[in-house]
């Protein structure tokens, strides 16, 4: 006699399908990934995936939401700069852990309820910085896209040190005096330095926007004692 799946059991099965699909994306990449490919790797039929996710896009959205679940909501008593930084660093860790699947986070306006909770925290940090509500959608989207872009650049190779061929190419162009002068710094530049600079620019940019609008005061900073 077949066991009837309860709603809770179905949810558990769905989570397992998503996790297995995520592992398949990490194994083979997004190019060529689809329901048939995932079904073969998981050991189920395409109809099962179609039932749960509807389409390839539905499955990819579920995978993206699975990635979003690894972003921990920051403690609300932390200052907004610390909360924003913590979430940004979570995305960097996800990018390094799942480099092939990470681009899915740049594909959807929302991946599901889990992401919307993180978005709420992201927007709340901007609100607590002192931004007007009318400005939060544009600024919030811009800062979120900037962080995902830096993460994607890091795992994609953009932040790699320049190759000898690239250095030679720049050195051979007489119309690049400043870039040539900066070449030694580029060869020493670390990914951590770039990411930290992005965070600093992001925070100072929000603070500058708040100062420019001058319409409401930011939430007072909470003084926190250092842990020992």
C-alpha atoms as a PDB file:
ATOM      1  CA  UNK A   1       0.000   0.000   0.000  1.00  0.00           C
ATOM      2  CA  UNK A   2       1.375   3.409  -1.014  1.00  0.00           C
ATOM      3  CA  UNK A   3       2.134   5.859   1.767  1.00  0.00           C
ATOM      4  CA  UNK A   4       0.215   9.078   1.364  1.00  0.00           C
ATOM      5  CA  UNK A   5       2.501  12.099   1.566  1.00  0.00           C
ATOM      6  CA  UNK A   6       1.434  14.790   3.938  1.00  0.00           C
ATOM      7  CA  UNK A   7       2.020  18.441   3.174  1.00  0.00           C
ATOM      8  CA  UNK A   8       5.018  18.400   5.519  1.00  0.00           C
ATOM      9  CA  UNK A   9       6.478  15.330   3.859  1.00  0.00           C
ATOM     10  CA  UNK A  10       5.989  16.871   0.424  1.00  0.00           C
ATOM     11  CA  UNK A  11       7.872  19.950   1.591  1.00  0.00           C
ATOM     12  CA  UNK A  12      10.744  17.786   2.778  1.00  0.00           C
ATOM     13  CA  UNK A  13      10.893  15.922  -0.528  1.00  0.00           C
ATOM     14  CA  UNK A  14      10.842  19.237  -2.385  1.00  0.00           C
ATOM     15  CA  UNK A  15      13.747  20.529  -0.315  1.00  0.00           C
ATOM     16  CA  UNK A  16      15.721  17.393  -1.158  1.00  0.00           C
ATOM     17  CA  UNK A  17      15.010  17.843  -4.872  1.00  0.00           C
ATOM     18  CA  UNK A  18      16.175  21.451  -4.718  1.00  0.00           C
ATOM     19  CA  UNK A  19      19.358  20.528  -2.877  1.00  0.00           C
ATOM     20  CA  UNK A  20      20.142  17.745  -5.335  1.00  0.00           C
ATOM     21  CA  UNK A  21      19.506  20.140  -8.247  1.00  0.00           C
ATOM     22  CA  UNK A  22      21.833  22.687  -6.654  1.00  0.00           C
ATOM     23  CA  UNK A  23      24.574  20.079  -6.439  1.00  0.00           C
ATOM     24  CA  UNK A  24      24.011  19.237 -10.109  1.00  0.00           C
ATOM     25  CA  UNK A  25      24.370  22.907 -11.087  1.00  0.00           C
ATOM     26  CA  UNK A  26      27.627  23.050  -9.144  1.00  0.00           C
ATOM     27  CA  UNK A  27      28.824  19.914 -10.889  1.00  0.00           C
ATOM     28  CA  UNK A  28      27.929  20.840 -14.458  1.00  0.00           C
ATOM     29  CA  UNK A  29      27.136  24.563 -14.471  1.00  0.00           C
ATOM     30  CA  UNK A  30      24.013  26.402 -15.598  1.00  0.00           C
ATOM     31  CA  UNK A  31      24.674  25.969 -19.293  1.00  0.00           C
ATOM     32  CA  UNK A  32      22.641  23.006 -20.431  1.00  0.00           C
ATOM     33  CA  UNK A  33      20.941  22.633 -17.047  1.00  0.00           C
ATOM     34  CA  UNK A  34      17.240  21.767 -17.229  1.00  0.00           C
ATOM     35  CA  UNK A  35      14.565  19.474 -15.864  1.00  0.00           C
ATOM     36  CA  UNK A  36      15.801  16.428 -17.804  1.00  0.00           C
ATOM     37  CA  UNK A  37      19.384  17.027 -16.756  1.00  0.00           C
ATOM     38  CA  UNK A  38      18.350  17.462 -13.109  1.00  0.00           C
ATOM     39  CA  UNK A  39      16.050  14.417 -13.195  1.00  0.00           C
ATOM     40  CA  UNK A  40      18.860  12.230 -14.551  1.00  0.00           C
ATOM     41  CA  UNK A  41      21.270  13.405 -11.863  1.00  0.00           C
ATOM     42  CA  UNK A  42      18.732  13.033  -9.054  1.00  0.00           C
ATOM     43  CA  UNK A  43      17.345   9.700 -10.227  1.00  0.00           C
ATOM     44  CA  UNK A  44      13.733  10.769 -10.601  1.00  0.00           C
ATOM     45  CA  UNK A  45      11.473  11.394 -13.585  1.00  0.00           C
ATOM     46  CA  UNK A  46      10.876  14.766 -15.226  1.00  0.00           C
ATOM     47  CA  UNK A  47       7.205  14.621 -14.212  1.00  0.00           C
ATOM     48  CA  UNK A  48       8.210  14.782 -10.537  1.00  0.00           C
ATOM     49  CA  UNK A  49      10.187  17.986 -11.080  1.00  0.00           C
ATOM     50  CA  UNK A  50       7.420  19.426 -13.264  1.00  0.00           C
ATOM     51  CA  UNK A  51       4.887  18.676 -10.531  1.00  0.00           C
ATOM     52  CA  UNK A  52       6.913  20.480  -7.870  1.00  0.00           C
ATOM     53  CA  UNK A  53       8.412  23.357  -9.858  1.00  0.00           C
ATOM     54  CA  UNK A  54       6.422  23.666 -13.084  1.00  0.00           C
ATOM     55  CA  UNK A  55       9.347  24.491 -15.362  1.00  0.00           C
ATOM     56  CA  UNK A  56      13.095  24.919 -15.591  1.00  0.00           C
ATOM     57  CA  UNK A  57      12.657  28.530 -14.491  1.00  0.00           C
ATOM     58  CA  UNK A  58      10.633  27.402 -11.489  1.00  0.00           C
ATOM     59  CA  UNK A  59      13.372  24.974 -10.478  1.00  0.00           C
ATOM     60  CA  UNK A  60      16.084  27.585 -10.938  1.00  0.00           C
ATOM     61  CA  UNK A  61      14.076  30.039  -8.838  1.00  0.00           C
ATOM     62  CA  UNK A  62      13.786  27.396  -6.116  1.00  0.00           C
ATOM     63  CA  UNK A  63      17.561  26.840  -6.253  1.00  0.00           C
ATOM     64  CA  UNK A  64      18.120  30.585  -5.931  1.00  0.00           C
ATOM     65  CA  UNK A  65      15.783  30.681  -2.930  1.00  0.00           C
ATOM     66  CA  UNK A  66      17.776  27.824  -1.413  1.00  0.00           C
ATOM     67  CA  UNK A  67      20.892  29.999  -1.693  1.00  0.00           C
ATOM     68  CA  UNK A  68      19.046  32.922  -0.107  1.00  0.00           C
ATOM     69  CA  UNK A  69      18.238  30.725   2.895  1.00  0.00           C
ATOM     70  CA  UNK A  70      21.931  30.808   3.827  1.00  0.00           C
ATOM     71  CA  UNK A  71      21.847  34.565   4.445  1.00  0.00           C
ATOM     72  CA  UNK A  72      21.340  34.986   8.172  1.00  0.00           C
ATOM     73  CA  UNK A  73      19.212  37.912   9.295  1.00  0.00           C
ATOM     74  CA  UNK A  74      21.418  40.204  11.419  1.00  0.00           C
ATOM     75  CA  UNK A  75      20.617  41.033  15.021  1.00  0.00           C
ATOM     76  CA  UNK A  76      18.254  44.027  15.082  1.00  0.00           C
ATOM     77  CA  UNK A  77      20.159  45.800  17.874  1.00  0.00           C
ATOM     78  CA  UNK A  78      23.260  46.203  15.706  1.00  0.00           C
ATOM     79  CA  UNK A  79      23.880  49.517  13.956  1.00  0.00           C
ATOM     80  CA  UNK A  80      22.708  49.612  10.351  1.00  0.00           C
ATOM     81  CA  UNK A  81      26.248  49.690   8.941  1.00  0.00           C
ATOM     82  CA  UNK A  82      27.104  46.449  10.748  1.00  0.00           C
ATOM     83  CA  UNK A  83      23.877  44.772   9.662  1.00  0.00           C
ATOM     84  CA  UNK A  84      24.371  45.702   6.028  1.00  0.00           C
ATOM     85  CA  UNK A  85      27.996  44.561   6.098  1.00  0.00           C
ATOM     86  CA  UNK A  86      27.057  41.223   7.669  1.00  0.00           C
ATOM     87  CA  UNK A  87      24.495  40.491   4.949  1.00  0.00           C
ATOM     88  CA  UNK A  88      26.945  41.525   2.220  1.00  0.00           C
ATOM     89  CA  UNK A  89      29.566  39.170   3.610  1.00  0.00           C
ATOM     90  CA  UNK A  90      27.002  36.360   3.672  1.00  0.00           C
ATOM     91  CA  UNK A  91      26.471  36.807  -0.066  1.00  0.00           C
ATOM     92  CA  UNK A  92      30.218  36.670  -0.629  1.00  0.00           C
ATOM     93  CA  UNK A  93      30.407  33.371   1.266  1.00  0.00           C
ATOM     94  CA  UNK A  94      27.533  31.972  -0.800  1.00  0.00           C
ATOM     95  CA  UNK A  95      29.273  33.027  -4.017  1.00  0.00           C
ATOM     96  CA  UNK A  96      32.429  31.185  -2.999  1.00  0.00           C
ATOM     97  CA  UNK A  97      30.518  28.105  -1.859  1.00  0.00           C
ATOM     98  CA  UNK A  98      28.263  27.895  -4.936  1.00  0.00           C
ATOM     99  CA  UNK A  99      30.031  29.735  -7.789  1.00  0.00           C
ATOM    100  CA  UNK A 100      28.041  28.046 -10.569  1.00  0.00           C
ATOM    101  CA  UNK A 101      24.624  28.626  -9.022  1.00  0.00           C
ATOM    102  CA  UNK A 102      25.304  32.113  -7.655  1.00  0.00           C
ATOM    103  CA  UNK A 103      24.374  33.909 -10.925  1.00  0.00           C
ATOM    104  CA  UNK A 104      20.777  32.757 -10.339  1.00  0.00           C
ATOM    105  CA  UNK A 105      20.536  35.406  -7.608  1.00  0.00           C
ATOM    106  CA  UNK A 106      20.910  38.068 -10.296  1.00  0.00           C
ATOM    107  CA  UNK A 107      18.112  36.633 -12.430  1.00  0.00           C
ATOM    108  CA  UNK A 108      14.920  37.029 -10.402  1.00  0.00           C
ATOM    109  CA  UNK A 109      13.183  40.043  -8.860  1.00  0.00           C
ATOM    110  CA  UNK A 110      12.341  37.725  -5.985  1.00  0.00           C
ATOM    111  CA  UNK A 111      13.123  34.069  -5.412  1.00  0.00           C
ATOM    112  CA  UNK A 112      10.437  33.557  -2.770  1.00  0.00           C
ATOM    113  CA  UNK A 113       9.350  34.297   0.808  1.00  0.00           C
ATOM    114  CA  UNK A 114      12.811  33.557   2.220  1.00  0.00           C
ATOM    115  CA  UNK A 115      14.472  36.194   0.099  1.00  0.00           C
ATOM    116  CA  UNK A 116      11.776  38.753   0.855  1.00  0.00           C
ATOM    117  CA  UNK A 117      12.591  38.430   4.555  1.00  0.00           C
ATOM    118  CA  UNK A 118      16.232  39.229   3.815  1.00  0.00           C
ATOM    119  CA  UNK A 119      15.118  42.101   1.570  1.00  0.00           C
ATOM    120  CA  UNK A 120      13.088  43.427   4.492  1.00  0.00           C
ATOM    121  CA  UNK A 121      16.246  43.456   6.598  1.00  0.00           C
ATOM    122  CA  UNK A 122      18.212  45.086   3.762  1.00  0.00           C
ATOM    123  CA  UNK A 123      15.622  47.837   3.322  1.00  0.00           C
ATOM    124  CA  UNK A 124      15.308  48.258   7.089  1.00  0.00           C
ATOM    125  CA  UNK A 125      19.034  48.983   7.312  1.00  0.00           C
ATOM    126  CA  UNK A 126      18.605  51.721   4.686  1.00  0.00           C
ATOM    127  CA  UNK A 127      15.620  53.133   6.558  1.00  0.00           C
ATOM    128  CA  UNK A 128      17.548  53.140   9.832  1.00  0.00           C
ATOM    129  CA  UNK A 129      20.361  54.977   8.033  1.00  0.00           C
ATOM    130  CA  UNK A 130      17.920  57.845   7.593  1.00  0.00           C
ATOM    131  CA  UNK A 131      16.817  57.414   3.980  1.00  0.00           C
ATOM    132  CA  UNK A 132      13.349  58.567   3.021  1.00  0.00           C
ATOM    133  CA  UNK A 133      10.990  55.715   2.193  1.00  0.00           C
ATOM    134  CA  UNK A 134      10.586  57.055  -1.353  1.00  0.00           C
ATOM    135  CA  UNK A 135      14.354  56.708  -1.919  1.00  0.00           C
ATOM    136  CA  UNK A 136      14.776  53.230  -0.467  1.00  0.00           C
ATOM    137  CA  UNK A 137      13.688  51.190  -3.544  1.00  0.00           C
ATOM    138  CA  UNK A 138      16.253  52.800  -5.875  1.00  0.00           C
ATOM    139  CA  UNK A 139      19.098  52.996  -3.371  1.00  0.00           C
ATOM    140  CA  UNK A 140      18.327  49.558  -1.932  1.00  0.00           C
ATOM    141  CA  UNK A 141      18.305  47.949  -5.376  1.00  0.00           C
ATOM    142  CA  UNK A 142      21.517  49.758  -6.336  1.00  0.00           C
ATOM    143  CA  UNK A 143      23.428  48.668  -3.241  1.00  0.00           C
ATOM    144  CA  UNK A 144      22.129  45.087  -3.491  1.00  0.00           C
ATOM    145  CA  UNK A 145      23.082  44.852  -7.167  1.00  0.00           C
ATOM    146  CA  UNK A 146      26.496  46.351  -6.396  1.00  0.00           C
ATOM    147  CA  UNK A 147      27.252  43.698  -3.762  1.00  0.00           C
ATOM    148  CA  UNK A 148      26.078  40.834  -5.976  1.00  0.00           C
ATOM    149  CA  UNK A 149      28.152  42.290  -8.810  1.00  0.00           C
ATOM    150  CA  UNK A 150      31.341  42.398  -6.743  1.00  0.00           C
ATOM    151  CA  UNK A 151      30.717  38.814  -5.600  1.00  0.00           C
ATOM    152  CA  UNK A 152      30.063  37.669  -9.174  1.00  0.00           C
ATOM    153  CA  UNK A 153      33.209  39.455 -10.356  1.00  0.00           C
ATOM    154  CA  UNK A 154      35.290  37.719  -7.716  1.00  0.00           C
ATOM    155  CA  UNK A 155      34.135  34.183  -8.540  1.00  0.00           C
ATOM    156  CA  UNK A 156      34.169  34.922 -12.274  1.00  0.00           C
ATOM    157  CA  UNK A 157      37.813  35.962 -12.344  1.00  0.00           C
ATOM    158  CA  UNK A 158      37.438  39.736 -12.724  1.00  0.00           C
ATOM    159  CA  UNK A 159      39.386  40.333  -9.508  1.00  0.00           C
ATOM    160  CA  UNK A 160      42.226  37.980 -10.394  1.00  0.00           C
ATOM    161  CA  UNK A 161      45.696  39.466 -10.509  1.00  0.00           C
ATOM    162  CA  UNK A 162      46.666  40.581 -14.037  1.00  0.00           C
ATOM    163  CA  UNK A 163      48.469  38.001 -16.138  1.00  0.00           C
ATOM    164  CA  UNK A 164      51.948  38.686 -17.573  1.00  0.00           C
ATOM    165  CA  UNK A 165      50.291  39.048 -20.989  1.00  0.00           C
ATOM    166  CA  UNK A 166      47.865  41.687 -19.679  1.00  0.00           C
ATOM    167  CA  UNK A 167      50.682  43.589 -17.983  1.00  0.00           C
ATOM    168  CA  UNK A 168      52.763  43.520 -21.136  1.00  0.00           C
ATOM    169  CA  UNK A 169      49.797  44.765 -23.167  1.00  0.00           C
ATOM    170  CA  UNK A 170      49.295  47.764 -20.882  1.00  0.00           C
ATOM    171  CA  UNK A 171      53.007  48.543 -20.735  1.00  0.00           C
ATOM    172  CA  UNK A 172      53.094  48.594 -24.511  1.00  0.00           C
ATOM    173  CA  UNK A 173      50.485  51.377 -24.832  1.00  0.00           C
ATOM    174  CA  UNK A 174      51.890  54.897 -24.626  1.00  0.00           C
ATOM    175  CA  UNK A 175      48.489  56.513 -23.970  1.00  0.00           C
ATOM    176  CA  UNK A 176      47.948  54.827 -20.570  1.00  0.00           C
ATOM    177  CA  UNK A 177      50.348  56.696 -18.242  1.00  0.00           C
ATOM    178  CA  UNK A 178      48.194  56.506 -15.104  1.00  0.00           C
ATOM    179  CA  UNK A 179      47.250  52.856 -15.583  1.00  0.00           C
ATOM    180  CA  UNK A 180      50.919  52.006 -16.104  1.00  0.00           C
ATOM    181  CA  UNK A 181      51.798  53.822 -12.894  1.00  0.00           C
ATOM    182  CA  UNK A 182      49.150  51.835 -11.024  1.00  0.00           C
ATOM    183  CA  UNK A 183      50.225  48.417 -12.348  1.00  0.00           C
ATOM    184  CA  UNK A 184      52.351  47.491  -9.291  1.00  0.00           C
ATOM    185  CA  UNK A 185      49.340  48.140  -7.045  1.00  0.00           C
ATOM    186  CA  UNK A 186      47.127  45.940  -9.240  1.00  0.00           C
ATOM    187  CA  UNK A 187      49.604  43.071  -8.954  1.00  0.00           C
ATOM    188  CA  UNK A 188      49.459  43.291  -5.140  1.00  0.00           C
ATOM    189  CA  UNK A 189      45.725  43.909  -4.841  1.00  0.00           C
ATOM    190  CA  UNK A 190      43.750  41.265  -2.943  1.00  0.00           C
ATOM    191  CA  UNK A 191      40.102  40.278  -3.319  1.00  0.00           C
ATOM    192  CA  UNK A 192      39.545  41.182   0.333  1.00  0.00           C
ATOM    193  CA  UNK A 193      40.747  44.742  -0.296  1.00  0.00           C
ATOM    194  CA  UNK A 194      38.348  45.140  -3.211  1.00  0.00           C
ATOM    195  CA  UNK A 195      35.393  43.777  -1.263  1.00  0.00           C
ATOM    196  CA  UNK A 196      36.157  45.947   1.777  1.00  0.00           C
ATOM    197  CA  UNK A 197      36.443  48.992  -0.490  1.00  0.00           C
ATOM    198  CA  UNK A 198      33.046  48.164  -2.007  1.00  0.00           C
ATOM    199  CA  UNK A 199      31.482  47.985   1.461  1.00  0.00           C
ATOM    200  CA  UNK A 200      33.055  51.300   2.485  1.00  0.00           C
ATOM    201  CA  UNK A 201      31.853  53.013  -0.684  1.00  0.00           C
ATOM    202  CA  UNK A 202      28.378  51.531  -0.275  1.00  0.00           C
ATOM    203  CA  UNK A 203      28.036  52.761   3.309  1.00  0.00           C
ATOM    204  CA  UNK A 204      29.526  56.195   2.653  1.00  0.00           C
ATOM    205  CA  UNK A 205      27.261  56.519  -0.389  1.00  0.00           C
ATOM    206  CA  UNK A 206      24.167  55.860   1.718  1.00  0.00           C
ATOM    207  CA  UNK A 207      25.379  58.329   4.341  1.00  0.00           C
ATOM    208  CA  UNK A 208      26.005  60.916   1.639  1.00  0.00           C
ATOM    209  CA  UNK A 209      22.511  60.400   0.224  1.00  0.00           C
ATOM    210  CA  UNK A 210      20.996  60.835   3.681  1.00  0.00           C
ATOM    211  CA  UNK A 211      22.990  64.031   4.269  1.00  0.00           C
ATOM    212  CA  UNK A 212      21.906  65.381   0.888  1.00  0.00           C
ATOM    213  CA  UNK A 213      18.199  64.805   1.468  1.00  0.00           C
ATOM    214  CA  UNK A 214      18.325  66.129   5.046  1.00  0.00           C
ATOM    215  CA  UNK A 215      14.704  65.249   5.713  1.00  0.00           C
ATOM    216  CA  UNK A 216      14.887  62.773   8.556  1.00  0.00           C
ATOM    217  CA  UNK A 217      17.454  61.772  11.117  1.00  0.00           C
ATOM    218  CA  UNK A 218      19.036  58.332  11.060  1.00  0.00           C
ATOM    219  CA  UNK A 219      18.294  55.885  13.823  1.00  0.00           C
ATOM    220  CA  UNK A 220      20.673  56.525  16.754  1.00  0.00           C
ATOM    221  CA  UNK A 221      23.634  54.194  16.899  1.00  0.00           C
ATOM    222  CA  UNK A 222      23.547  51.574  19.627  1.00  0.00           C
ATOM    223  CA  UNK A 223      26.670  51.562  21.718  1.00  0.00           C
ATOM    224  CA  UNK A 224      27.900  48.000  22.087  1.00  0.00           C
ATOM    225  CA  UNK A 225      30.591  46.748  24.431  1.00  0.00           C
ATOM    226  CA  UNK A 226      33.292  44.511  23.059  1.00  0.00           C
ATOM    227  CA  UNK A 227      33.019  40.859  23.878  1.00  0.00           C
ATOM    228  CA  UNK A 228      35.904  39.301  25.757  1.00  0.00           C
END
